[in-house]
């Protein structure tokens, strides 16, 4: 393995660890913040005219944390940079196959000969 590849792999791993670490920190902050909101509302009567508002605040925060978790542990795995690269390669391959098929059809119909080279602008116009 080349040093450049090794460094790239290391950097990807380091970034991934940082992402996971942020999710864990976010969860700890969520727990501490939830306790703080409960104490403010129940013991110090902050916002008591709104009832038990801490439940709504905690529910919203939990929803945000769940989105963060899903983004890091689920969608990043399935829709990360590696997935984007593979999908791009698939689309390029599909486009090249279609180009070759169209060119074969033009040759078969006698519109062009195998030795003909279409100019790039003409290929674009014909969708090749």
N, C-alpha and C. Protein backbone atom coordinates (compact mmCIF):
# COMPACT_ATOMS: atom_id res chain seq x y z
N UNK A 1 0.85 -1.18 0.00
CA UNK A 1 0.00 0.00 0.00
C UNK A 1 0.89 1.24 0.00
N UNK A 2 0.55 2.16 -0.88
CA UNK A 2 1.34 3.38 -0.99
C UNK A 2 1.06 4.30 0.20
N UNK A 3 2.04 5.12 0.56
CA UNK A 3 1.84 6.05 1.68
C UNK A 3 0.65 6.99 1.46
N UNK A 4 0.43 7.38 0.20
CA UNK A 4 -0.69 8.28 -0.10
C UNK A 4 -2.03 7.59 0.19
N UNK A 5 -2.15 6.32 -0.25
CA UNK A 5 -3.37 5.55 0.01
C UNK A 5 -3.56 5.35 1.51
N UNK A 6 -2.47 5.03 2.18
CA UNK A 6 -2.52 4.79 3.61
C UNK A 6 -2.99 6.04 4.35
N UNK A 7 -2.50 7.19 3.93
CA UNK A 7 -2.90 8.46 4.54
C UNK A 7 -4.38 8.74 4.28
N UNK A 8 -4.84 8.46 3.06
CA UNK A 8 -6.24 8.67 2.71
C UNK A 8 -7.16 7.78 3.55
N UNK A 9 -6.78 6.53 3.71
CA UNK A 9 -7.56 5.60 4.54
C UNK A 9 -7.59 6.08 5.98
N UNK A 10 -6.45 6.52 6.47
CA UNK A 10 -6.37 7.03 7.83
C UNK A 10 -7.28 8.24 8.02
N UNK A 11 -7.25 9.17 7.06
CA UNK A 11 -8.08 10.38 7.15
C UNK A 11 -9.57 10.05 7.15
N UNK A 12 -9.98 9.10 6.30
CA UNK A 12 -11.38 8.68 6.27
C UNK A 12 -11.79 8.09 7.61
N UNK A 13 -10.94 7.24 8.15
CA UNK A 13 -11.24 6.61 9.44
C UNK A 13 -11.30 7.66 10.55
N UNK A 14 -10.39 8.61 10.53
CA UNK A 14 -10.38 9.66 11.54
C UNK A 14 -11.65 10.50 11.48
N UNK A 15 -12.08 10.87 10.28
CA UNK A 15 -13.31 11.65 10.12
C UNK A 15 -14.52 10.86 10.61
N UNK A 16 -14.53 9.57 10.32
CA UNK A 16 -15.66 8.71 10.74
C UNK A 16 -15.72 8.63 12.26
N UNK A 17 -14.56 8.48 12.90
CA UNK A 17 -14.51 8.43 14.36
C UNK A 17 -15.02 9.74 14.95
N UNK A 18 -14.64 10.87 14.34
CA UNK A 18 -15.12 12.17 14.83
C UNK A 18 -16.64 12.27 14.72
N UNK A 19 -17.20 11.78 13.62
CA UNK A 19 -18.66 11.81 13.45
C UNK A 19 -19.34 11.02 14.56
N UNK A 20 -18.85 9.81 14.81
CA UNK A 20 -19.45 8.97 15.85
C UNK A 20 -19.30 9.61 17.22
N UNK A 21 -18.14 10.19 17.46
CA UNK A 21 -17.88 10.85 18.74
C UNK A 21 -18.87 11.99 18.97
N UNK A 22 -19.15 12.76 17.91
CA UNK A 22 -20.12 13.86 18.03
C UNK A 22 -21.51 13.35 18.36
N UNK A 23 -21.91 12.21 17.81
CA UNK A 23 -23.23 11.64 18.14
C UNK A 23 -23.28 11.29 19.62
N UNK A 24 -22.22 10.67 20.13
CA UNK A 24 -22.19 10.29 21.54
C UNK A 24 -22.21 11.53 22.44
N UNK A 25 -21.43 12.55 22.07
CA UNK A 25 -21.46 13.80 22.84
C UNK A 25 -22.84 14.43 22.81
N UNK A 26 -23.46 14.41 21.65
CA UNK A 26 -24.80 14.97 21.50
C UNK A 26 -25.78 14.24 22.43
N UNK A 27 -25.64 12.91 22.52
CA UNK A 27 -26.53 12.13 23.38
C UNK A 27 -26.31 12.49 24.85
N UNK A 28 -25.07 12.60 25.27
CA UNK A 28 -24.77 12.97 26.66
C UNK A 28 -25.32 14.37 26.95
N UNK A 29 -25.11 15.29 26.03
CA UNK A 29 -25.65 16.64 26.18
C UNK A 29 -27.18 16.61 26.26
N UNK A 30 -27.79 15.75 25.45
CA UNK A 30 -29.25 15.59 25.48
C UNK A 30 -29.72 15.13 26.86
N UNK A 31 -29.04 14.14 27.43
CA UNK A 31 -29.43 13.63 28.75
C UNK A 31 -29.28 14.72 29.82
N UNK A 32 -28.14 15.38 29.83
CA UNK A 32 -27.90 16.44 30.82
C UNK A 32 -28.89 17.59 30.62
N UNK A 33 -29.09 17.99 29.38
CA UNK A 33 -30.03 19.07 29.08
C UNK A 33 -31.45 18.71 29.45
N UNK A 34 -31.84 17.46 29.26
CA UNK A 34 -33.20 17.03 29.61
C UNK A 34 -33.42 17.13 31.12
N UNK A 35 -32.44 16.66 31.88
CA UNK A 35 -32.54 16.76 33.34
C UNK A 35 -32.63 18.24 33.74
N UNK A 36 -31.83 19.07 33.13
CA UNK A 36 -31.85 20.51 33.41
C UNK A 36 -33.22 21.11 33.12
N UNK A 37 -33.82 20.76 31.98
CA UNK A 37 -35.15 21.28 31.63
C UNK A 37 -36.22 20.81 32.61
N UNK A 38 -36.13 19.56 33.03
CA UNK A 38 -37.10 19.02 34.00
C UNK A 38 -36.98 19.77 35.32
N UNK A 39 -35.75 19.94 35.78
CA UNK A 39 -35.52 20.65 37.05
C UNK A 39 -36.02 22.09 36.94
N UNK A 40 -35.73 22.77 35.84
CA UNK A 40 -36.21 24.14 35.67
C UNK A 40 -37.73 24.23 35.75
N UNK A 41 -38.41 23.31 35.08
CA UNK A 41 -39.87 23.38 35.01
C UNK A 41 -40.54 22.92 36.30
N UNK A 42 -40.08 21.82 36.86
CA UNK A 42 -40.77 21.25 38.02
C UNK A 42 -40.35 21.92 39.33
N UNK A 43 -39.05 22.06 39.54
CA UNK A 43 -38.58 22.56 40.83
C UNK A 43 -38.50 24.09 40.91
N UNK A 44 -38.10 24.72 39.81
CA UNK A 44 -37.97 26.18 39.83
C UNK A 44 -39.17 26.90 39.20
N UNK A 45 -40.12 26.14 38.73
CA UNK A 45 -41.39 26.66 38.17
C UNK A 45 -41.18 27.63 37.00
N UNK A 46 -40.10 27.46 36.26
CA UNK A 46 -39.86 28.30 35.09
C UNK A 46 -40.85 27.89 34.00
N UNK A 47 -41.62 28.84 33.53
CA UNK A 47 -42.61 28.57 32.49
C UNK A 47 -43.76 27.72 32.97
N UNK A 48 -44.06 27.77 34.26
CA UNK A 48 -45.13 26.93 34.81
C UNK A 48 -46.50 27.28 34.22
N UNK A 49 -46.66 28.49 33.69
CA UNK A 49 -47.94 28.86 33.08
C UNK A 49 -48.21 28.03 31.81
N UNK A 50 -47.18 27.41 31.26
CA UNK A 50 -47.34 26.56 30.07
C UNK A 50 -47.47 25.09 30.42
N UNK A 51 -47.55 24.76 31.68
CA UNK A 51 -47.66 23.36 32.10
C UNK A 51 -46.30 22.68 32.05
N UNK A 52 -46.31 21.40 31.71
CA UNK A 52 -45.07 20.63 31.65
C UNK A 52 -44.45 20.76 30.25
N UNK A 53 -43.97 21.94 29.96
CA UNK A 53 -43.40 22.24 28.64
C UNK A 53 -42.13 21.46 28.35
N UNK A 54 -41.47 20.99 29.41
CA UNK A 54 -40.21 20.27 29.21
C UNK A 54 -40.42 19.01 28.36
N UNK A 55 -41.61 18.42 28.42
CA UNK A 55 -41.88 17.20 27.64
C UNK A 55 -41.80 17.50 26.14
N UNK A 56 -42.38 18.62 25.76
CA UNK A 56 -42.33 19.01 24.35
C UNK A 56 -40.89 19.32 23.93
N UNK A 57 -40.18 20.07 24.75
CA UNK A 57 -38.79 20.44 24.43
C UNK A 57 -37.91 19.19 24.32
N UNK A 58 -38.08 18.25 25.23
CA UNK A 58 -37.28 17.02 25.21
C UNK A 58 -37.65 16.18 23.98
N UNK A 59 -38.94 16.13 23.65
CA UNK A 59 -39.37 15.36 22.48
C UNK A 59 -38.76 15.92 21.19
N UNK A 60 -38.75 17.24 21.06
CA UNK A 60 -38.15 17.88 19.88
C UNK A 60 -36.65 17.59 19.83
N UNK A 61 -36.00 17.73 20.97
CA UNK A 61 -34.55 17.48 21.03
C UNK A 61 -34.24 16.01 20.71
N UNK A 62 -35.06 15.11 21.23
CA UNK A 62 -34.87 13.68 20.96
C UNK A 62 -35.02 13.41 19.46
N UNK A 63 -36.01 14.03 18.84
CA UNK A 63 -36.21 13.87 17.40
C UNK A 63 -34.97 14.34 16.63
N UNK A 64 -34.42 15.47 17.03
CA UNK A 64 -33.21 15.99 16.37
C UNK A 64 -32.04 15.04 16.58
N UNK A 65 -31.91 14.48 17.79
CA UNK A 65 -30.82 13.54 18.05
C UNK A 65 -30.99 12.27 17.22
N UNK A 66 -32.23 11.81 17.09
CA UNK A 66 -32.48 10.61 16.27
C UNK A 66 -32.09 10.87 14.81
N UNK A 67 -32.41 12.05 14.30
CA UNK A 67 -31.99 12.40 12.94
C UNK A 67 -30.47 12.41 12.81
N UNK A 68 -29.80 12.95 13.81
CA UNK A 68 -28.33 12.96 13.83
C UNK A 68 -27.79 11.53 13.82
N UNK A 69 -28.37 10.68 14.66
CA UNK A 69 -27.96 9.28 14.74
C UNK A 69 -28.15 8.57 13.40
N UNK A 70 -29.32 8.75 12.80
CA UNK A 70 -29.62 8.12 11.51
C UNK A 70 -28.64 8.62 10.45
N UNK A 71 -28.36 9.90 10.46
CA UNK A 71 -27.43 10.46 9.48
C UNK A 71 -26.04 9.84 9.60
N UNK A 72 -25.57 9.64 10.80
CA UNK A 72 -24.21 9.12 10.99
C UNK A 72 -24.14 7.61 10.83
N UNK A 73 -25.07 6.88 11.44
CA UNK A 73 -24.94 5.43 11.48
C UNK A 73 -25.70 4.69 10.39
N UNK A 74 -26.68 5.32 9.77
CA UNK A 74 -27.48 4.60 8.77
C UNK A 74 -27.27 5.18 7.38
N UNK A 75 -27.70 6.42 7.16
CA UNK A 75 -27.61 6.97 5.81
C UNK A 75 -26.18 7.20 5.37
N UNK A 76 -25.30 7.55 6.28
CA UNK A 76 -23.90 7.76 5.88
C UNK A 76 -23.31 6.46 5.34
N UNK A 77 -23.69 5.37 5.97
CA UNK A 77 -23.18 4.08 5.53
C UNK A 77 -23.71 3.76 4.14
N UNK A 78 -25.00 4.03 3.90
CA UNK A 78 -25.60 3.67 2.63
C UNK A 78 -25.46 4.75 1.56
N UNK A 79 -25.40 5.99 1.97
CA UNK A 79 -25.36 7.08 1.01
C UNK A 79 -24.13 7.95 1.19
N UNK A 80 -23.04 7.37 1.62
CA UNK A 80 -21.81 8.13 1.84
C UNK A 80 -21.04 8.33 0.55
N UNK A 81 -19.80 8.77 0.69
CA UNK A 81 -18.95 9.07 -0.47
C UNK A 81 -18.69 7.82 -1.32
N UNK A 82 -18.50 6.69 -0.67
CA UNK A 82 -18.24 5.45 -1.41
C UNK A 82 -19.45 5.08 -2.27
N UNK A 83 -20.64 5.22 -1.71
CA UNK A 83 -21.87 4.94 -2.45
C UNK A 83 -21.98 5.88 -3.64
N UNK A 84 -21.70 7.17 -3.43
CA UNK A 84 -21.76 8.16 -4.52
C UNK A 84 -20.80 7.78 -5.64
N UNK A 85 -19.60 7.36 -5.27
CA UNK A 85 -18.60 6.98 -6.27
C UNK A 85 -19.08 5.79 -7.09
N UNK A 86 -19.61 4.76 -6.41
CA UNK A 86 -20.09 3.57 -7.11
C UNK A 86 -21.26 3.89 -8.03
N UNK A 87 -22.19 4.71 -7.55
CA UNK A 87 -23.34 5.08 -8.37
C UNK A 87 -22.91 5.89 -9.59
N UNK A 88 -21.94 6.78 -9.41
CA UNK A 88 -21.43 7.56 -10.53
C UNK A 88 -20.80 6.65 -11.57
N UNK A 89 -20.01 5.68 -11.11
CA UNK A 89 -19.39 4.73 -12.03
C UNK A 89 -20.44 3.92 -12.77
N UNK A 90 -21.49 3.50 -12.07
CA UNK A 90 -22.58 2.75 -12.73
C UNK A 90 -23.24 3.59 -13.82
N UNK A 91 -23.52 4.86 -13.51
CA UNK A 91 -24.18 5.72 -14.49
C UNK A 91 -23.29 5.98 -15.69
N UNK A 92 -22.00 6.16 -15.46
CA UNK A 92 -21.07 6.37 -16.57
C UNK A 92 -21.03 5.13 -17.44
N UNK A 93 -20.95 3.96 -16.82
CA UNK A 93 -20.92 2.70 -17.56
C UNK A 93 -22.20 2.52 -18.37
N UNK A 94 -23.33 2.84 -17.76
CA UNK A 94 -24.62 2.74 -18.45
C UNK A 94 -24.66 3.68 -19.65
N UNK A 95 -24.16 4.89 -19.46
CA UNK A 95 -24.13 5.87 -20.55
C UNK A 95 -23.24 5.38 -21.70
N UNK A 96 -22.07 4.85 -21.36
CA UNK A 96 -21.16 4.35 -22.39
C UNK A 96 -21.77 3.18 -23.15
N UNK A 97 -22.45 2.28 -22.43
CA UNK A 97 -23.11 1.14 -23.08
C UNK A 97 -24.18 1.63 -24.05
N UNK A 98 -24.96 2.60 -23.62
CA UNK A 98 -26.02 3.15 -24.49
C UNK A 98 -25.41 3.82 -25.71
N UNK A 99 -24.31 4.53 -25.52
CA UNK A 99 -23.62 5.18 -26.63
C UNK A 99 -23.17 4.15 -27.67
N UNK A 100 -22.55 3.09 -27.18
CA UNK A 100 -22.07 2.04 -28.07
C UNK A 100 -23.23 1.37 -28.79
N UNK A 101 -24.32 1.14 -28.09
CA UNK A 101 -25.50 0.52 -28.70
C UNK A 101 -26.07 1.41 -29.81
N UNK A 102 -26.18 2.70 -29.54
CA UNK A 102 -26.68 3.63 -30.56
C UNK A 102 -25.76 3.68 -31.78
N UNK A 103 -24.47 3.67 -31.52
CA UNK A 103 -23.51 3.69 -32.62
C UNK A 103 -23.62 2.41 -33.46
N UNK A 104 -23.78 1.25 -32.80
CA UNK A 104 -23.97 -0.02 -33.52
C UNK A 104 -25.24 0.03 -34.37
N UNK A 105 -26.32 0.61 -33.81
CA UNK A 105 -27.57 0.72 -34.57
C UNK A 105 -27.40 1.61 -35.80
N UNK A 106 -26.66 2.71 -35.66
CA UNK A 106 -26.41 3.59 -36.80
C UNK A 106 -25.60 2.87 -37.87
N UNK A 107 -24.64 2.07 -37.45
CA UNK A 107 -23.84 1.29 -38.40
C UNK A 107 -24.72 0.25 -39.09
N UNK A 108 -25.55 -0.42 -38.31
CA UNK A 108 -26.44 -1.47 -38.83
C UNK A 108 -27.42 -0.89 -39.86
N UNK A 109 -27.92 0.31 -39.62
CA UNK A 109 -28.87 0.94 -40.54
C UNK A 109 -28.17 1.59 -41.73
N UNK A 110 -26.86 1.58 -41.73
CA UNK A 110 -26.11 2.13 -42.84
C UNK A 110 -25.96 3.64 -42.79
N UNK A 111 -26.31 4.24 -41.70
CA UNK A 111 -26.19 5.69 -41.58
C UNK A 111 -24.72 6.10 -41.47
N UNK A 112 -23.95 5.29 -40.76
CA UNK A 112 -22.51 5.52 -40.67
C UNK A 112 -21.81 4.19 -40.93
N UNK A 113 -20.52 4.24 -41.21
CA UNK A 113 -19.74 3.01 -41.38
C UNK A 113 -18.87 2.84 -40.14
N UNK A 114 -18.37 1.62 -39.92
CA UNK A 114 -17.53 1.39 -38.73
C UNK A 114 -16.30 2.29 -38.69
N UNK A 115 -15.83 2.73 -39.84
CA UNK A 115 -14.63 3.58 -39.88
C UNK A 115 -14.95 5.04 -39.62
N UNK A 116 -16.24 5.40 -39.71
CA UNK A 116 -16.63 6.80 -39.48
C UNK A 116 -16.45 7.15 -38.02
N UNK A 117 -15.96 8.32 -37.83
CA UNK A 117 -15.88 8.86 -36.47
C UNK A 117 -16.73 10.11 -36.45
N UNK A 118 -17.76 10.08 -35.65
CA UNK A 118 -18.61 11.26 -35.53
C UNK A 118 -17.89 12.32 -34.71
N UNK A 119 -18.02 13.57 -35.12
CA UNK A 119 -17.46 14.63 -34.29
C UNK A 119 -18.17 14.65 -32.94
N UNK A 120 -17.47 15.10 -31.92
CA UNK A 120 -18.04 15.13 -30.57
C UNK A 120 -19.34 15.91 -30.52
N UNK A 121 -19.40 17.03 -31.27
CA UNK A 121 -20.62 17.84 -31.26
C UNK A 121 -21.78 17.06 -31.85
N UNK A 122 -21.52 16.26 -32.90
CA UNK A 122 -22.58 15.46 -33.52
C UNK A 122 -23.02 14.33 -32.59
N UNK A 123 -22.06 13.74 -31.88
CA UNK A 123 -22.41 12.69 -30.92
C UNK A 123 -23.33 13.24 -29.85
N UNK A 124 -23.02 14.46 -29.39
CA UNK A 124 -23.86 15.08 -28.37
C UNK A 124 -25.26 15.35 -28.90
N UNK A 125 -25.35 15.82 -30.16
CA UNK A 125 -26.65 16.12 -30.76
C UNK A 125 -27.49 14.86 -30.91
N UNK A 126 -26.84 13.73 -31.19
CA UNK A 126 -27.58 12.49 -31.39
C UNK A 126 -27.71 11.69 -30.10
N UNK A 127 -27.21 12.22 -29.01
CA UNK A 127 -27.31 11.53 -27.73
C UNK A 127 -26.33 10.40 -27.57
N UNK A 128 -25.24 10.42 -28.29
CA UNK A 128 -24.24 9.36 -28.20
C UNK A 128 -23.23 9.63 -27.14
